[in-house]
């Protein structure tokens, strides 16, 4: 089992713990987009002091044009996919939004084929099919009646998938010059700059003085964000973007298990099949003999 696989798996598993922080911040009184703002802000204030003390050279941008990479990961990915996902939830349901979000590996495979000349193998296609079906089963989209989903809902849901996919694409370009630490830092610096002007300070700033709110906001910035993105991006630097995207679909499996064991949410046999399909897809893509592993 190679390091790239382990890194991507750990990073995606940490993403799967997001519900622990999000549900508690919702209960305190924050809206979904406010939670996203707290996430990027606390990630930034964790990373900036660390970089200034331990790795100041990581803050260096070699070319002004390279800021485009971080506008891509920060705004076109983090901000755009979160906005699109929450818009989909508003128009439909969480299961529908989540299932459409996990069309991301399909977009990564297609874009990577043209941009990075990554091979389109039968292992990838089979793994992609299993992850799409598995994700739909895990979140409960199947067996819902998808014929009654309006086009606008599908549009925003697919936009969330595209935005989610763009992190891997823009990061792949940035990794030619920058470390995973630099990419993660600037991704969230840019996202913070984009979102902070829209935060309702008068109404919600007082909530942050609640120790519980600070604890969950800081934890959200540290574990399923700073560490998760650092580890995932390090893994992405060692493997194909399309392969990393498929492995990352372990996230809904972890999220579902947390829902069951932490929040005591109901669980079905259909979800078990879905989790099995995703896990099998992750194993299958790891066995792909034509997928490139990069030595860095």
C-alpha atoms as a PDB file:
ATOM      1  CA  UNK A   1       0.000   0.000   0.000  1.00  0.00           C
ATOM      2  CA  UNK A   2       1.668   3.254  -1.149  1.00  0.00           C
ATOM      3  CA  UNK A   3       1.923   6.571   0.683  1.00  0.00           C
ATOM      4  CA  UNK A   4      -0.254   8.433  -1.813  1.00  0.00           C
ATOM      5  CA  UNK A   5      -3.162   6.065  -1.152  1.00  0.00           C
ATOM      6  CA  UNK A   6      -2.740   6.380   2.624  1.00  0.00           C
ATOM      7  CA  UNK A   7      -2.486  10.190   2.530  1.00  0.00           C
ATOM      8  CA  UNK A   8      -5.586  10.642   0.373  1.00  0.00           C
ATOM      9  CA  UNK A   9      -7.506   8.105   2.466  1.00  0.00           C
ATOM     10  CA  UNK A  10      -6.606   9.865   5.738  1.00  0.00           C
ATOM     11  CA  UNK A  11      -7.395  13.317   4.339  1.00  0.00           C
ATOM     12  CA  UNK A  12     -10.785  12.226   3.021  1.00  0.00           C
ATOM     13  CA  UNK A  13     -11.569  10.391   6.262  1.00  0.00           C
ATOM     14  CA  UNK A  14     -10.919  13.596   8.196  1.00  0.00           C
ATOM     15  CA  UNK A  15     -13.362  15.389   5.865  1.00  0.00           C
ATOM     16  CA  UNK A  16     -15.883  12.755   6.873  1.00  0.00           C
ATOM     17  CA  UNK A  17     -15.816  14.046  10.472  1.00  0.00           C
ATOM     18  CA  UNK A  18     -17.184  17.464   9.425  1.00  0.00           C
ATOM     19  CA  UNK A  19     -20.691  16.722  10.720  1.00  0.00           C
ATOM     20  CA  UNK A  20     -19.428  16.721  14.324  1.00  0.00           C
ATOM     21  CA  UNK A  21     -18.469  20.384  14.025  1.00  0.00           C
ATOM     22  CA  UNK A  22     -21.187  21.531  11.652  1.00  0.00           C
ATOM     23  CA  UNK A  23     -24.109  20.169  13.676  1.00  0.00           C
ATOM     24  CA  UNK A  24     -22.849  21.795  16.862  1.00  0.00           C
ATOM     25  CA  UNK A  25     -22.287  25.158  15.147  1.00  0.00           C
ATOM     26  CA  UNK A  26     -25.795  24.967  13.648  1.00  0.00           C
ATOM     27  CA  UNK A  27     -27.213  24.372  17.136  1.00  0.00           C
ATOM     28  CA  UNK A  28     -25.385  27.445  18.446  1.00  0.00           C
ATOM     29  CA  UNK A  29     -27.107  29.576  15.793  1.00  0.00           C
ATOM     30  CA  UNK A  30     -24.918  29.810  12.697  1.00  0.00           C
ATOM     31  CA  UNK A  31     -26.260  29.337   9.158  1.00  0.00           C
ATOM     32  CA  UNK A  32     -24.544  27.025   6.637  1.00  0.00           C
ATOM     33  CA  UNK A  33     -22.616  29.769   4.792  1.00  0.00           C
ATOM     34  CA  UNK A  34     -21.640  31.347   8.116  1.00  0.00           C
ATOM     35  CA  UNK A  35     -20.200  27.992   9.149  1.00  0.00           C
ATOM     36  CA  UNK A  36     -18.198  27.907   5.901  1.00  0.00           C
ATOM     37  CA  UNK A  37     -16.888  31.388   6.717  1.00  0.00           C
ATOM     38  CA  UNK A  38     -15.880  30.279  10.209  1.00  0.00           C
ATOM     39  CA  UNK A  39     -14.178  27.246   8.716  1.00  0.00           C
ATOM     40  CA  UNK A  40     -11.985  29.194   6.303  1.00  0.00           C
ATOM     41  CA  UNK A  41     -11.290  31.990   8.814  1.00  0.00           C
ATOM     42  CA  UNK A  42     -10.135  29.706  11.621  1.00  0.00           C
ATOM     43  CA  UNK A  43      -8.078  27.673   9.162  1.00  0.00           C
ATOM     44  CA  UNK A  44      -6.337  30.891   8.122  1.00  0.00           C
ATOM     45  CA  UNK A  45      -5.588  32.013  11.661  1.00  0.00           C
ATOM     46  CA  UNK A  46      -4.179  28.558  12.440  1.00  0.00           C
ATOM     47  CA  UNK A  47      -1.945  28.476   9.368  1.00  0.00           C
ATOM     48  CA  UNK A  48      -0.673  32.056   9.258  1.00  0.00           C
ATOM     49  CA  UNK A  49       1.112  32.127  12.671  1.00  0.00           C
ATOM     50  CA  UNK A  50       2.470  28.630  12.024  1.00  0.00           C
ATOM     51  CA  UNK A  51       3.940  29.658   8.663  1.00  0.00           C
ATOM     52  CA  UNK A  52       5.389  32.899  10.037  1.00  0.00           C
ATOM     53  CA  UNK A  53       7.212  30.978  12.781  1.00  0.00           C
ATOM     54  CA  UNK A  54       8.059  27.605  11.250  1.00  0.00           C
ATOM     55  CA  UNK A  55       8.109  27.995   7.478  1.00  0.00           C
ATOM     56  CA  UNK A  56       8.136  31.621   6.350  1.00  0.00           C
ATOM     57  CA  UNK A  57       9.489  30.632   2.947  1.00  0.00           C
ATOM     58  CA  UNK A  58       6.184  28.834   2.315  1.00  0.00           C
ATOM     59  CA  UNK A  59       4.496  32.238   2.085  1.00  0.00           C
ATOM     60  CA  UNK A  60       6.573  33.218  -0.937  1.00  0.00           C
ATOM     61  CA  UNK A  61       4.707  33.484  -4.245  1.00  0.00           C
ATOM     62  CA  UNK A  62       7.164  33.000  -7.108  1.00  0.00           C
ATOM     63  CA  UNK A  63       5.081  34.690  -9.800  1.00  0.00           C
ATOM     64  CA  UNK A  64       2.127  37.048  -9.580  1.00  0.00           C
ATOM     65  CA  UNK A  65       0.286  34.882 -12.125  1.00  0.00           C
ATOM     66  CA  UNK A  66       0.479  31.949  -9.685  1.00  0.00           C
ATOM     67  CA  UNK A  67      -2.141  33.663  -7.539  1.00  0.00           C
ATOM     68  CA  UNK A  68      -4.553  32.262 -10.125  1.00  0.00           C
ATOM     69  CA  UNK A  69      -3.952  28.778  -8.702  1.00  0.00           C
ATOM     70  CA  UNK A  70      -5.120  29.895  -5.264  1.00  0.00           C
ATOM     71  CA  UNK A  71      -8.034  31.901  -6.591  1.00  0.00           C
ATOM     72  CA  UNK A  72      -8.971  28.635  -8.264  1.00  0.00           C
ATOM     73  CA  UNK A  73      -8.701  26.492  -5.133  1.00  0.00           C
ATOM     74  CA  UNK A  74     -10.050  29.154  -2.774  1.00  0.00           C
ATOM     75  CA  UNK A  75     -12.904  30.777  -4.706  1.00  0.00           C
ATOM     76  CA  UNK A  76     -13.763  28.519  -7.639  1.00  0.00           C
ATOM     77  CA  UNK A  77     -13.507  25.425  -5.453  1.00  0.00           C
ATOM     78  CA  UNK A  78     -14.029  26.088  -1.714  1.00  0.00           C
ATOM     79  CA  UNK A  79     -16.428  29.042  -1.965  1.00  0.00           C
ATOM     80  CA  UNK A  80     -18.191  27.977  -5.170  1.00  0.00           C
ATOM     81  CA  UNK A  81     -18.817  24.344  -4.214  1.00  0.00           C
ATOM     82  CA  UNK A  82     -20.063  25.273  -0.738  1.00  0.00           C
ATOM     83  CA  UNK A  83     -22.439  27.901  -2.114  1.00  0.00           C
ATOM     84  CA  UNK A  84     -23.728  25.501  -4.781  1.00  0.00           C
ATOM     85  CA  UNK A  85     -24.128  22.655  -2.290  1.00  0.00           C
ATOM     86  CA  UNK A  86     -26.085  24.754   0.204  1.00  0.00           C
ATOM     87  CA  UNK A  87     -28.218  26.136  -2.628  1.00  0.00           C
ATOM     88  CA  UNK A  88     -29.000  22.547  -3.663  1.00  0.00           C
ATOM     89  CA  UNK A  89     -29.918  21.686  -0.074  1.00  0.00           C
ATOM     90  CA  UNK A  90     -32.207  24.720  -0.019  1.00  0.00           C
ATOM     91  CA  UNK A  91     -33.898  23.602  -3.255  1.00  0.00           C
ATOM     92  CA  UNK A  92     -34.080  19.900  -2.406  1.00  0.00           C
ATOM     93  CA  UNK A  93     -32.658  17.722   0.385  1.00  0.00           C
ATOM     94  CA  UNK A  94     -29.298  16.884   1.958  1.00  0.00           C
ATOM     95  CA  UNK A  95     -29.185  13.388   0.348  1.00  0.00           C
ATOM     96  CA  UNK A  96     -29.781  14.813  -3.131  1.00  0.00           C
ATOM     97  CA  UNK A  97     -27.182  17.553  -2.580  1.00  0.00           C
ATOM     98  CA  UNK A  98     -24.619  15.074  -1.267  1.00  0.00           C
ATOM     99  CA  UNK A  99     -25.132  12.593  -4.092  1.00  0.00           C
ATOM    100  CA  UNK A 100     -24.758  15.336  -6.717  1.00  0.00           C
ATOM    101  CA  UNK A 101     -21.658  16.643  -4.926  1.00  0.00           C
ATOM    102  CA  UNK A 102     -20.064  13.229  -5.376  1.00  0.00           C
ATOM    103  CA  UNK A 103     -20.239  13.491  -9.136  1.00  0.00           C
ATOM    104  CA  UNK A 104     -16.880  15.274  -8.558  1.00  0.00           C
ATOM    105  CA  UNK A 105     -14.724  12.207  -9.408  1.00  0.00           C
ATOM    106  CA  UNK A 106     -16.364  12.022 -12.834  1.00  0.00           C
ATOM    107  CA  UNK A 107     -15.429  15.646 -13.531  1.00  0.00           C
ATOM    108  CA  UNK A 108     -11.885  15.100 -12.246  1.00  0.00           C
ATOM    109  CA  UNK A 109     -11.428  12.050 -14.494  1.00  0.00           C
ATOM    110  CA  UNK A 110     -12.708  13.912 -17.571  1.00  0.00           C
ATOM    111  CA  UNK A 111     -10.707  17.107 -16.930  1.00  0.00           C
ATOM    112  CA  UNK A 112      -7.531  15.192 -15.992  1.00  0.00           C
ATOM    113  CA  UNK A 113      -7.756  13.138 -19.178  1.00  0.00           C
ATOM    114  CA  UNK A 114      -7.515  16.302 -21.284  1.00  0.00           C
ATOM    115  CA  UNK A 115      -5.279  18.498 -19.086  1.00  0.00           C
ATOM    116  CA  UNK A 116      -2.846  16.000 -17.577  1.00  0.00           C
ATOM    117  CA  UNK A 117      -3.118  13.176 -20.121  1.00  0.00           C
ATOM    118  CA  UNK A 118      -4.074  10.752 -17.356  1.00  0.00           C
ATOM    119  CA  UNK A 119      -5.042   7.338 -18.666  1.00  0.00           C
ATOM    120  CA  UNK A 120      -8.702   6.366 -18.814  1.00  0.00           C
ATOM    121  CA  UNK A 121      -8.557   2.745 -17.684  1.00  0.00           C
ATOM    122  CA  UNK A 122     -11.278   0.166 -17.150  1.00  0.00           C
ATOM    123  CA  UNK A 123     -10.331   0.152 -13.449  1.00  0.00           C
ATOM    124  CA  UNK A 124     -11.079   3.885 -13.203  1.00  0.00           C
ATOM    125  CA  UNK A 125     -14.356   3.588 -15.063  1.00  0.00           C
ATOM    126  CA  UNK A 126     -15.508   0.653 -12.931  1.00  0.00           C
ATOM    127  CA  UNK A 127     -14.410   2.453  -9.758  1.00  0.00           C
ATOM    128  CA  UNK A 128     -16.191   5.617 -10.860  1.00  0.00           C
ATOM    129  CA  UNK A 129     -19.417   3.703 -11.508  1.00  0.00           C
ATOM    130  CA  UNK A 130     -19.205   2.034  -8.097  1.00  0.00           C
ATOM    131  CA  UNK A 131     -18.538   5.331  -6.281  1.00  0.00           C
ATOM    132  CA  UNK A 132     -21.466   7.087  -7.982  1.00  0.00           C
ATOM    133  CA  UNK A 133     -23.862   4.245  -7.171  1.00  0.00           C
ATOM    134  CA  UNK A 134     -22.387   3.735  -3.710  1.00  0.00           C
ATOM    135  CA  UNK A 135     -22.623   7.428  -2.801  1.00  0.00           C
ATOM    136  CA  UNK A 136     -26.246   7.554  -3.958  1.00  0.00           C
ATOM    137  CA  UNK A 137     -27.070   4.522  -1.807  1.00  0.00           C
ATOM    138  CA  UNK A 138     -25.200   5.784   1.273  1.00  0.00           C
ATOM    139  CA  UNK A 139     -26.901   9.191   1.327  1.00  0.00           C
ATOM    140  CA  UNK A 140     -30.314   7.771   0.470  1.00  0.00           C
ATOM    141  CA  UNK A 141     -30.790   9.235  -2.992  1.00  0.00           C
ATOM    142  CA  UNK A 142     -31.632   5.739  -4.191  1.00  0.00           C
ATOM    143  CA  UNK A 143     -34.428   4.622  -4.076  1.00  0.00           C
ATOM    144  CA  UNK A 144     -35.921   8.157  -4.023  1.00  0.00           C
ATOM    145  CA  UNK A 145     -37.981   9.338  -6.983  1.00  0.00           C
ATOM    146  CA  UNK A 146     -35.370  11.275  -8.957  1.00  0.00           C
ATOM    147  CA  UNK A 147     -37.815  12.014 -11.802  1.00  0.00           C
ATOM    148  CA  UNK A 148     -39.369  14.781  -9.711  1.00  0.00           C
ATOM    149  CA  UNK A 149     -36.098  16.663  -9.098  1.00  0.00           C
ATOM    150  CA  UNK A 150     -36.273  20.073 -10.881  1.00  0.00           C
ATOM    151  CA  UNK A 151     -33.588  20.965 -13.430  1.00  0.00           C
ATOM    152  CA  UNK A 152     -32.385  23.941 -11.349  1.00  0.00           C
ATOM    153  CA  UNK A 153     -31.669  21.579  -8.441  1.00  0.00           C
ATOM    154  CA  UNK A 154     -29.635  19.271 -10.683  1.00  0.00           C
ATOM    155  CA  UNK A 155     -27.825  22.317 -12.113  1.00  0.00           C
ATOM    156  CA  UNK A 156     -26.682  23.629  -8.732  1.00  0.00           C
ATOM    157  CA  UNK A 157     -25.891  20.095  -7.557  1.00  0.00           C
ATOM    158  CA  UNK A 158     -23.646  19.494 -10.563  1.00  0.00           C
ATOM    159  CA  UNK A 159     -22.053  22.907  -9.986  1.00  0.00           C
ATOM    160  CA  UNK A 160     -21.131  21.749  -6.488  1.00  0.00           C
ATOM    161  CA  UNK A 161     -19.544  18.626  -7.993  1.00  0.00           C
ATOM    162  CA  UNK A 162     -17.562  20.713 -10.471  1.00  0.00           C
ATOM    163  CA  UNK A 163     -16.423  23.085  -7.722  1.00  0.00           C
ATOM    164  CA  UNK A 164     -15.408  20.169  -5.529  1.00  0.00           C
ATOM    165  CA  UNK A 165     -13.448  18.673  -8.427  1.00  0.00           C
ATOM    166  CA  UNK A 166     -11.615  21.920  -9.162  1.00  0.00           C
ATOM    167  CA  UNK A 167      -9.614  21.716  -5.936  1.00  0.00           C
ATOM    168  CA  UNK A 168      -7.779  18.664  -7.281  1.00  0.00           C
ATOM    169  CA  UNK A 169      -7.335  20.260 -10.716  1.00  0.00           C
ATOM    170  CA  UNK A 170      -5.976  23.645  -9.596  1.00  0.00           C
ATOM    171  CA  UNK A 171      -3.867  21.960  -6.900  1.00  0.00           C
ATOM    172  CA  UNK A 172      -2.304  19.683  -9.488  1.00  0.00           C
ATOM    173  CA  UNK A 173      -1.075  22.754 -11.371  1.00  0.00           C
ATOM    174  CA  UNK A 174       0.099  24.470  -8.165  1.00  0.00           C
ATOM    175  CA  UNK A 175       1.965  21.375  -6.984  1.00  0.00           C
ATOM    176  CA  UNK A 176       4.421  21.845  -9.843  1.00  0.00           C
ATOM    177  CA  UNK A 177       5.835  24.814  -7.916  1.00  0.00           C
ATOM    178  CA  UNK A 178       4.424  24.838  -4.374  1.00  0.00           C
ATOM    179  CA  UNK A 179       4.171  22.504  -1.400  1.00  0.00           C
ATOM    180  CA  UNK A 180       0.906  21.183   0.006  1.00  0.00           C
ATOM    181  CA  UNK A 181       1.404  23.547   2.960  1.00  0.00           C
ATOM    182  CA  UNK A 182       1.586  26.616   0.712  1.00  0.00           C
ATOM    183  CA  UNK A 183      -1.407  25.518  -1.359  1.00  0.00           C
ATOM    184  CA  UNK A 184      -3.559  24.828   1.705  1.00  0.00           C
ATOM    185  CA  UNK A 185      -2.587  28.137   3.312  1.00  0.00           C
ATOM    186  CA  UNK A 186      -3.290  30.326   0.295  1.00  0.00           C
ATOM    187  CA  UNK A 187      -6.460  28.418  -0.571  1.00  0.00           C
ATOM    188  CA  UNK A 188      -7.984  29.401   2.758  1.00  0.00           C
ATOM    189  CA  UNK A 189      -6.473  32.898   2.845  1.00  0.00           C
ATOM    190  CA  UNK A 190      -8.197  33.645  -0.457  1.00  0.00           C
ATOM    191  CA  UNK A 191     -11.474  32.000   0.620  1.00  0.00           C
ATOM    192  CA  UNK A 192     -11.411  34.017   3.857  1.00  0.00           C
ATOM    193  CA  UNK A 193     -10.935  37.300   1.981  1.00  0.00           C
ATOM    194  CA  UNK A 194     -13.841  36.375  -0.301  1.00  0.00           C
ATOM    195  CA  UNK A 195     -16.275  35.398   2.488  1.00  0.00           C
ATOM    196  CA  UNK A 196     -15.539  37.670   5.462  1.00  0.00           C
ATOM    197  CA  UNK A 197     -17.214  40.779   3.952  1.00  0.00           C
ATOM    198  CA  UNK A 198     -20.522  38.882   3.894  1.00  0.00           C
ATOM    199  CA  UNK A 199     -20.428  37.665   7.508  1.00  0.00           C
ATOM    200  CA  UNK A 200     -23.201  39.301   9.618  1.00  0.00           C
ATOM    201  CA  UNK A 201     -20.968  40.635  12.382  1.00  0.00           C
ATOM    202  CA  UNK A 202     -23.667  42.572  14.253  1.00  0.00           C
ATOM    203  CA  UNK A 203     -25.954  39.576  14.587  1.00  0.00           C
ATOM    204  CA  UNK A 204     -23.484  36.700  14.996  1.00  0.00           C
ATOM    205  CA  UNK A 205     -20.181  37.952  16.379  1.00  0.00           C
ATOM    206  CA  UNK A 206     -21.455  37.714  19.958  1.00  0.00           C
ATOM    207  CA  UNK A 207     -22.073  33.973  19.449  1.00  0.00           C
ATOM    208  CA  UNK A 208     -18.358  33.421  19.023  1.00  0.00           C
ATOM    209  CA  UNK A 209     -17.719  34.491  22.607  1.00  0.00           C
ATOM    210  CA  UNK A 210     -19.428  31.255  23.643  1.00  0.00           C
ATOM    211  CA  UNK A 211     -16.548  28.870  24.600  1.00  0.00           C
ATOM    212  CA  UNK A 212     -18.390  26.001  22.920  1.00  0.00           C
ATOM    213  CA  UNK A 213     -18.604  27.946  19.649  1.00  0.00           C
ATOM    214  CA  UNK A 214     -14.912  28.812  19.784  1.00  0.00           C
ATOM    215  CA  UNK A 215     -13.998  25.207  20.515  1.00  0.00           C
ATOM    216  CA  UNK A 216     -15.958  23.798  17.579  1.00  0.00           C
ATOM    217  CA  UNK A 217     -14.973  26.594  15.179  1.00  0.00           C
ATOM    218  CA  UNK A 218     -11.279  26.153  16.039  1.00  0.00           C
ATOM    219  CA  UNK A 219     -11.575  22.362  15.851  1.00  0.00           C
ATOM    220  CA  UNK A 220     -13.307  22.674  12.479  1.00  0.00           C
ATOM    221  CA  UNK A 221     -10.431  24.784  11.203  1.00  0.00           C
ATOM    222  CA  UNK A 222      -7.793  22.417  12.568  1.00  0.00           C
ATOM    223  CA  UNK A 223      -8.767  18.775  12.033  1.00  0.00           C
ATOM    224  CA  UNK A 224     -11.163  18.324   9.075  1.00  0.00           C
ATOM    225  CA  UNK A 225      -9.733  21.371   7.290  1.00  0.00           C
ATOM    226  CA  UNK A 226      -6.075  22.269   7.925  1.00  0.00           C
ATOM    227  CA  UNK A 227      -4.855  18.712   8.525  1.00  0.00           C
ATOM    228  CA  UNK A 228      -7.267  17.145   6.055  1.00  0.00           C
ATOM    229  CA  UNK A 229      -6.298  19.422   3.157  1.00  0.00           C
ATOM    230  CA  UNK A 230      -2.584  19.238   3.958  1.00  0.00           C
ATOM    231  CA  UNK A 231      -2.644  15.444   3.979  1.00  0.00           C
ATOM    232  CA  UNK A 232      -4.937  15.123   0.933  1.00  0.00           C
ATOM    233  CA  UNK A 233      -2.855  17.574  -1.109  1.00  0.00           C
ATOM    234  CA  UNK A 234       0.350  15.751  -0.135  1.00  0.00           C
ATOM    235  CA  UNK A 235      -1.231  12.543  -1.429  1.00  0.00           C
ATOM    236  CA  UNK A 236      -2.431  14.295  -4.579  1.00  0.00           C
ATOM    237  CA  UNK A 237       1.199  15.260  -5.257  1.00  0.00           C
ATOM    238  CA  UNK A 238       2.078  11.560  -5.431  1.00  0.00           C
ATOM    239  CA  UNK A 239      -0.700  10.199  -7.608  1.00  0.00           C
ATOM    240  CA  UNK A 240      -3.103  11.047 -10.413  1.00  0.00           C
ATOM    241  CA  UNK A 241      -5.868  13.559  -9.707  1.00  0.00           C
ATOM    242  CA  UNK A 242      -8.504  11.149 -11.015  1.00  0.00           C
ATOM    243  CA  UNK A 243      -7.319   8.351  -8.741  1.00  0.00           C
ATOM    244  CA  UNK A 244      -7.215  10.652  -5.692  1.00  0.00           C
ATOM    245  CA  UNK A 245     -10.757  11.838  -6.427  1.00  0.00           C
ATOM    246  CA  UNK A 246     -12.093   8.277  -6.407  1.00  0.00           C
ATOM    247  CA  UNK A 247     -10.252   7.369  -3.194  1.00  0.00           C
ATOM    248  CA  UNK A 248     -11.650  10.515  -1.539  1.00  0.00           C
ATOM    249  CA  UNK A 249     -15.185   9.157  -1.843  1.00  0.00           C
ATOM    250  CA  UNK A 250     -14.454   7.267   1.372  1.00  0.00           C
ATOM    251  CA  UNK A 251     -15.626  10.535   2.980  1.00  0.00           C
ATOM    252  CA  UNK A 252     -19.391   9.737   2.904  1.00  0.00           C
ATOM    253  CA  UNK A 253     -18.652   6.302   4.382  1.00  0.00           C
ATOM    254  CA  UNK A 254     -16.881   7.902   7.351  1.00  0.00           C
ATOM    255  CA  UNK A 255     -19.616  10.548   7.632  1.00  0.00           C
ATOM    256  CA  UNK A 256     -22.300   7.846   7.679  1.00  0.00           C
ATOM    257  CA  UNK A 257     -20.490   5.833  10.354  1.00  0.00           C
ATOM    258  CA  UNK A 258     -20.182   8.961  12.506  1.00  0.00           C
ATOM    259  CA  UNK A 259     -23.887   9.608  12.014  1.00  0.00           C
ATOM    260  CA  UNK A 260     -24.672   6.093  13.203  1.00  0.00           C
ATOM    261  CA  UNK A 261     -22.315   5.831  16.182  1.00  0.00           C
ATOM    262  CA  UNK A 262     -22.077   9.466  17.334  1.00  0.00           C
ATOM    263  CA  UNK A 263     -25.482  10.927  16.476  1.00  0.00           C
ATOM    264  CA  UNK A 264     -27.403   7.607  16.615  1.00  0.00           C
ATOM    265  CA  UNK A 265     -28.931   8.191  13.188  1.00  0.00           C
ATOM    266  CA  UNK A 266     -30.985   5.391  11.576  1.00  0.00           C
ATOM    267  CA  UNK A 267     -29.156   3.005   9.286  1.00  0.00           C
ATOM    268  CA  UNK A 268     -30.379   0.746   6.509  1.00  0.00           C
ATOM    269  CA  UNK A 269     -29.265  -2.303   4.583  1.00  0.00           C
ATOM    270  CA  UNK A 270     -29.186  -0.168   1.422  1.00  0.00           C
ATOM    271  CA  UNK A 271     -26.571   2.095   3.034  1.00  0.00           C
ATOM    272  CA  UNK A 272     -24.496  -0.966   3.892  1.00  0.00           C
ATOM    273  CA  UNK A 273     -24.495  -1.950   0.212  1.00  0.00           C
ATOM    274  CA  UNK A 274     -23.522   1.611  -0.722  1.00  0.00           C
ATOM    275  CA  UNK A 275     -20.595   1.696   1.706  1.00  0.00           C
ATOM    276  CA  UNK A 276     -19.450  -1.680   0.438  1.00  0.00           C
ATOM    277  CA  UNK A 277     -19.540  -0.400  -3.149  1.00  0.00           C
ATOM    278  CA  UNK A 278     -17.429   2.653  -2.254  1.00  0.00           C
ATOM    279  CA  UNK A 279     -14.889   0.613  -0.291  1.00  0.00           C
ATOM    280  CA  UNK A 280     -14.624  -1.889  -3.158  1.00  0.00           C
ATOM    281  CA  UNK A 281     -14.126   1.007  -5.608  1.00  0.00           C
ATOM    282  CA  UNK A 282     -11.316   2.429  -3.457  1.00  0.00           C
ATOM    283  CA  UNK A 283      -9.611  -0.988  -3.373  1.00  0.00           C
ATOM    284  CA  UNK A 284     -10.156  -1.477  -7.099  1.00  0.00           C
ATOM    285  CA  UNK A 285      -8.559   1.838  -8.075  1.00  0.00           C
ATOM    286  CA  UNK A 286      -5.586   0.974  -5.889  1.00  0.00           C
ATOM    287  CA  UNK A 287      -5.087  -2.199  -7.961  1.00  0.00           C
ATOM    288  CA  UNK A 288      -5.085  -0.320 -11.289  1.00  0.00           C
ATOM    289  CA  UNK A 289      -1.740  -1.306 -12.932  1.00  0.00           C
ATOM    290  CA  UNK A 290      -1.830   1.644 -15.357  1.00  0.00           C
ATOM    291  CA  UNK A 291      -2.445   4.418 -12.822  1.00  0.00           C
ATOM    292  CA  UNK A 292       0.675   6.502 -12.324  1.00  0.00           C
ATOM    293  CA  UNK A 293       2.312   6.926  -8.935  1.00  0.00           C
ATOM    294  CA  UNK A 294       4.622   9.921  -8.789  1.00  0.00           C
ATOM    295  CA  UNK A 295       7.827   9.733  -6.809  1.00  0.00           C
ATOM    296  CA  UNK A 296       8.339  13.004  -4.973  1.00  0.00           C
END
